[in-house]
Amino acid sequence: MNYQRVRTVLVGFALAMTLGVVGCAASKEFTPEEFATITKDMTEAKVIEVLGKPKETVESLGSRRLFWVVNDKYYSISFTDGKVIAPLAHADKADYEMMMGLMKAMKAMPKP
């Protein structure tokens, strides 16, 4: 029996299972009702616990905005000092992309 080959197969299997579990956790799908439970002053850690890892995060001018896309619905939440300022369920993809673009544009601006 080739123990090196068996070991390689087992390590590969374990790695694949680990990545599968991590991938599932990162791509959690939430409902509009779950999103509605997000309230002002909720911590960022609690939001991520409820909604899962965001698709993208943009920081600018002391504010941080997390972005999610779930079942062709678009969401973002702004944070200051690690707490929710405003959750936003975007009307459509264009609205979502505009918000992300504004955040990225503000990030690129020179600081006063």
C-alpha atoms as a PDB file:
ATOM      1  CA  MET A   1       0.000   0.000   0.000  1.00  0.00           C
ATOM      2  CA  ASN A   2       1.327   3.425  -0.944  1.00  0.00           C
ATOM      3  CA  TYR A   3       0.904   5.436   2.283  1.00  0.00           C
ATOM      4  CA  GLN A   4       2.179   8.655   0.705  1.00  0.00           C
ATOM      5  CA  ARG A   5      -0.580   8.512  -1.929  1.00  0.00           C
ATOM      6  CA  VAL A   6      -3.253   7.739   0.699  1.00  0.00           C
ATOM      7  CA  ARG A   7      -1.997  10.630   2.828  1.00  0.00           C
ATOM      8  CA  THR A   8      -2.085  13.000  -0.157  1.00  0.00           C
ATOM      9  CA  VAL A   9      -5.643  11.959  -1.011  1.00  0.00           C
ATOM     10  CA  LEU A  10      -6.781  12.405   2.611  1.00  0.00           C
ATOM     11  CA  VAL A  11      -5.140  15.814   2.925  1.00  0.00           C
ATOM     12  CA  GLY A  12      -6.718  16.883  -0.372  1.00  0.00           C
ATOM     13  CA  PHE A  13     -10.121  15.663   0.791  1.00  0.00           C
ATOM     14  CA  ALA A  14      -9.799  17.491   4.120  1.00  0.00           C
ATOM     15  CA  LEU A  15      -8.772  20.683   2.333  1.00  0.00           C
ATOM     16  CA  ALA A  16     -11.704  20.437  -0.086  1.00  0.00           C
ATOM     17  CA  MET A  17     -14.144  19.927   2.792  1.00  0.00           C
ATOM     18  CA  THR A  18     -12.686  22.882   4.714  1.00  0.00           C
ATOM     19  CA  LEU A  19     -12.921  25.184   1.708  1.00  0.00           C
ATOM     20  CA  GLY A  20     -16.466  24.022   1.071  1.00  0.00           C
ATOM     21  CA  VAL A  21     -17.526  24.876   4.611  1.00  0.00           C
ATOM     22  CA  VAL A  22     -15.785  28.257   4.508  1.00  0.00           C
ATOM     23  CA  GLY A  23     -17.298  29.015   1.118  1.00  0.00           C
ATOM     24  CA  CYS A  24     -20.787  28.244   2.378  1.00  0.00           C
ATOM     25  CA  ALA A  25     -20.367  30.489   5.388  1.00  0.00           C
ATOM     26  CA  ALA A  26     -19.168  33.389   3.260  1.00  0.00           C
ATOM     27  CA  SER A  27     -22.059  33.166   0.824  1.00  0.00           C
ATOM     28  CA  LYS A  28     -24.930  33.008   3.303  1.00  0.00           C
ATOM     29  CA  GLU A  29     -28.217  34.081   1.799  1.00  0.00           C
ATOM     30  CA  PHE A  30     -30.529  36.088   4.008  1.00  0.00           C
ATOM     31  CA  THR A  31     -34.140  37.132   3.557  1.00  0.00           C
ATOM     32  CA  PRO A  32     -35.513  40.675   3.393  1.00  0.00           C
ATOM     33  CA  GLU A  33     -37.090  39.951   6.787  1.00  0.00           C
ATOM     34  CA  GLU A  34     -33.677  39.114   8.267  1.00  0.00           C
ATOM     35  CA  PHE A  35     -32.262  42.309   6.769  1.00  0.00           C
ATOM     36  CA  ALA A  36     -35.098  44.247   8.395  1.00  0.00           C
ATOM     37  CA  THR A  37     -33.840  43.123  11.833  1.00  0.00           C
ATOM     38  CA  ILE A  38     -30.723  45.256  11.396  1.00  0.00           C
ATOM     39  CA  THR A  39     -31.111  48.396  13.492  1.00  0.00           C
ATOM     40  CA  LYS A  40     -29.238  51.611  14.200  1.00  0.00           C
ATOM     41  CA  ASP A  41     -26.317  51.167  16.636  1.00  0.00           C
ATOM     42  CA  MET A  42     -26.075  47.384  16.052  1.00  0.00           C
ATOM     43  CA  THR A  43     -22.422  46.319  15.965  1.00  0.00           C
ATOM     44  CA  GLU A  44     -20.738  45.323  12.732  1.00  0.00           C
ATOM     45  CA  ALA A  45     -19.923  41.910  14.225  1.00  0.00           C
ATOM     46  CA  LYS A  46     -23.614  41.298  14.996  1.00  0.00           C
ATOM     47  CA  VAL A  47     -24.624  42.373  11.475  1.00  0.00           C
ATOM     48  CA  ILE A  48     -22.145  39.922   9.941  1.00  0.00           C
ATOM     49  CA  GLU A  49     -23.416  37.209  12.286  1.00  0.00           C
ATOM     50  CA  VAL A  50     -26.979  37.817  11.004  1.00  0.00           C
ATOM     51  CA  LEU A  51     -26.278  38.504   7.311  1.00  0.00           C
ATOM     52  CA  GLY A  52     -22.984  36.751   6.649  1.00  0.00           C
ATOM     53  CA  LYS A  53     -19.830  38.086   5.062  1.00  0.00           C
ATOM     54  CA  PRO A  54     -20.422  41.044   2.722  1.00  0.00           C
ATOM     55  CA  LYS A  55     -19.534  40.947  -0.959  1.00  0.00           C
ATOM     56  CA  GLU A  56     -17.511  44.140  -0.636  1.00  0.00           C
ATOM     57  CA  THR A  57     -16.479  46.710   1.949  1.00  0.00           C
ATOM     58  CA  VAL A  58     -15.529  50.319   1.196  1.00  0.00           C
ATOM     59  CA  GLU A  59     -14.175  52.814   3.734  1.00  0.00           C
ATOM     60  CA  SER A  60     -14.013  56.559   3.262  1.00  0.00           C
ATOM     61  CA  LEU A  61     -14.027  59.722   5.342  1.00  0.00           C
ATOM     62  CA  GLY A  62     -14.450  57.881   8.636  1.00  0.00           C
ATOM     63  CA  SER A  63     -17.370  55.812   7.390  1.00  0.00           C
ATOM     64  CA  ARG A  64     -17.495  52.181   6.334  1.00  0.00           C
ATOM     65  CA  ARG A  65     -20.117  50.626   4.049  1.00  0.00           C
ATOM     66  CA  LEU A  66     -20.669  46.893   3.596  1.00  0.00           C
ATOM     67  CA  PHE A  67     -22.388  45.585   0.449  1.00  0.00           C
ATOM     68  CA  TRP A  68     -24.365  42.355  -0.156  1.00  0.00           C
ATOM     69  CA  VAL A  69     -26.115  40.831  -3.174  1.00  0.00           C
ATOM     70  CA  VAL A  70     -28.670  38.097  -2.390  1.00  0.00           C
ATOM     71  CA  ASN A  71     -31.070  36.599  -4.928  1.00  0.00           C
ATOM     72  CA  ASP A  72     -30.851  39.610  -7.253  1.00  0.00           C
ATOM     73  CA  LYS A  73     -31.558  41.993  -4.370  1.00  0.00           C
ATOM     74  CA  TYR A  74     -29.009  44.606  -3.326  1.00  0.00           C
ATOM     75  CA  TYR A  75     -28.202  45.784   0.199  1.00  0.00           C
ATOM     76  CA  SER A  76     -25.675  47.996   1.957  1.00  0.00           C
ATOM     77  CA  ILE A  77     -25.152  49.225   5.487  1.00  0.00           C
ATOM     78  CA  SER A  78     -23.102  52.209   6.646  1.00  0.00           C
ATOM     79  CA  PHE A  79     -21.145  52.103   9.893  1.00  0.00           C
ATOM     80  CA  THR A  80     -19.367  54.682  12.016  1.00  0.00           C
ATOM     81  CA  ASP A  81     -17.240  53.603  14.972  1.00  0.00           C
ATOM     82  CA  GLY A  82     -18.280  49.977  14.311  1.00  0.00           C
ATOM     83  CA  LYS A  83     -22.016  50.645  14.700  1.00  0.00           C
ATOM     84  CA  VAL A  84     -24.840  50.770  12.164  1.00  0.00           C
ATOM     85  CA  ILE A  85     -25.799  54.223  10.966  1.00  0.00           C
ATOM     86  CA  ALA A  86     -28.175  53.276   8.163  1.00  0.00           C
ATOM     87  CA  PRO A  87     -29.177  49.946   6.576  1.00  0.00           C
ATOM     88  CA  LEU A  88     -30.291  50.326   2.972  1.00  0.00           C
ATOM     89  CA  ALA A  89     -32.186  47.890   0.746  1.00  0.00           C
ATOM     90  CA  HIS A  90     -31.406  49.306  -2.702  1.00  0.00           C
ATOM     91  CA  ALA A  91     -34.193  49.733  -5.249  1.00  0.00           C
ATOM     92  CA  ASP A  92     -32.163  48.006  -7.953  1.00  0.00           C
ATOM     93  CA  LYS A  93     -28.687  47.154  -9.200  1.00  0.00           C
ATOM     94  CA  ALA A  94     -28.127  50.658 -10.603  1.00  0.00           C
ATOM     95  CA  ASP A  95     -28.861  52.237  -7.208  1.00  0.00           C
ATOM     96  CA  TYR A  96     -26.513  49.752  -5.512  1.00  0.00           C
ATOM     97  CA  GLU A  97     -23.719  50.424  -8.008  1.00  0.00           C
ATOM     98  CA  MET A  98     -24.206  54.191  -7.663  1.00  0.00           C
ATOM     99  CA  MET A  99     -23.787  53.958  -3.874  1.00  0.00           C
ATOM    100  CA  MET A 100     -20.676  51.822  -4.265  1.00  0.00           C
ATOM    101  CA  GLY A 101     -19.310  54.247  -6.865  1.00  0.00           C
ATOM    102  CA  LEU A 102     -19.935  57.233  -4.579  1.00  0.00           C
ATOM    103  CA  MET A 103     -18.140  55.524  -1.709  1.00  0.00           C
ATOM    104  CA  LYS A 104     -15.171  54.662  -3.931  1.00  0.00           C
ATOM    105  CA  ALA A 105     -15.072  58.211  -5.345  1.00  0.00           C
ATOM    106  CA  MET A 106     -15.048  59.687  -1.829  1.00  0.00           C
ATOM    107  CA  LYS A 107     -12.275  57.275  -0.866  1.00  0.00           C
ATOM    108  CA  ALA A 108     -10.178  58.509  -3.805  1.00  0.00           C
ATOM    109  CA  MET A 109     -10.610  62.178  -2.858  1.00  0.00           C
ATOM    110  CA  PRO A 110      -7.682  63.864  -1.141  1.00  0.00           C
ATOM    111  CA  LYS A 111      -8.153  64.276   2.591  1.00  0.00           C
ATOM    112  CA  PRO A 112      -8.744  67.851   3.792  1.00  0.00           C
END
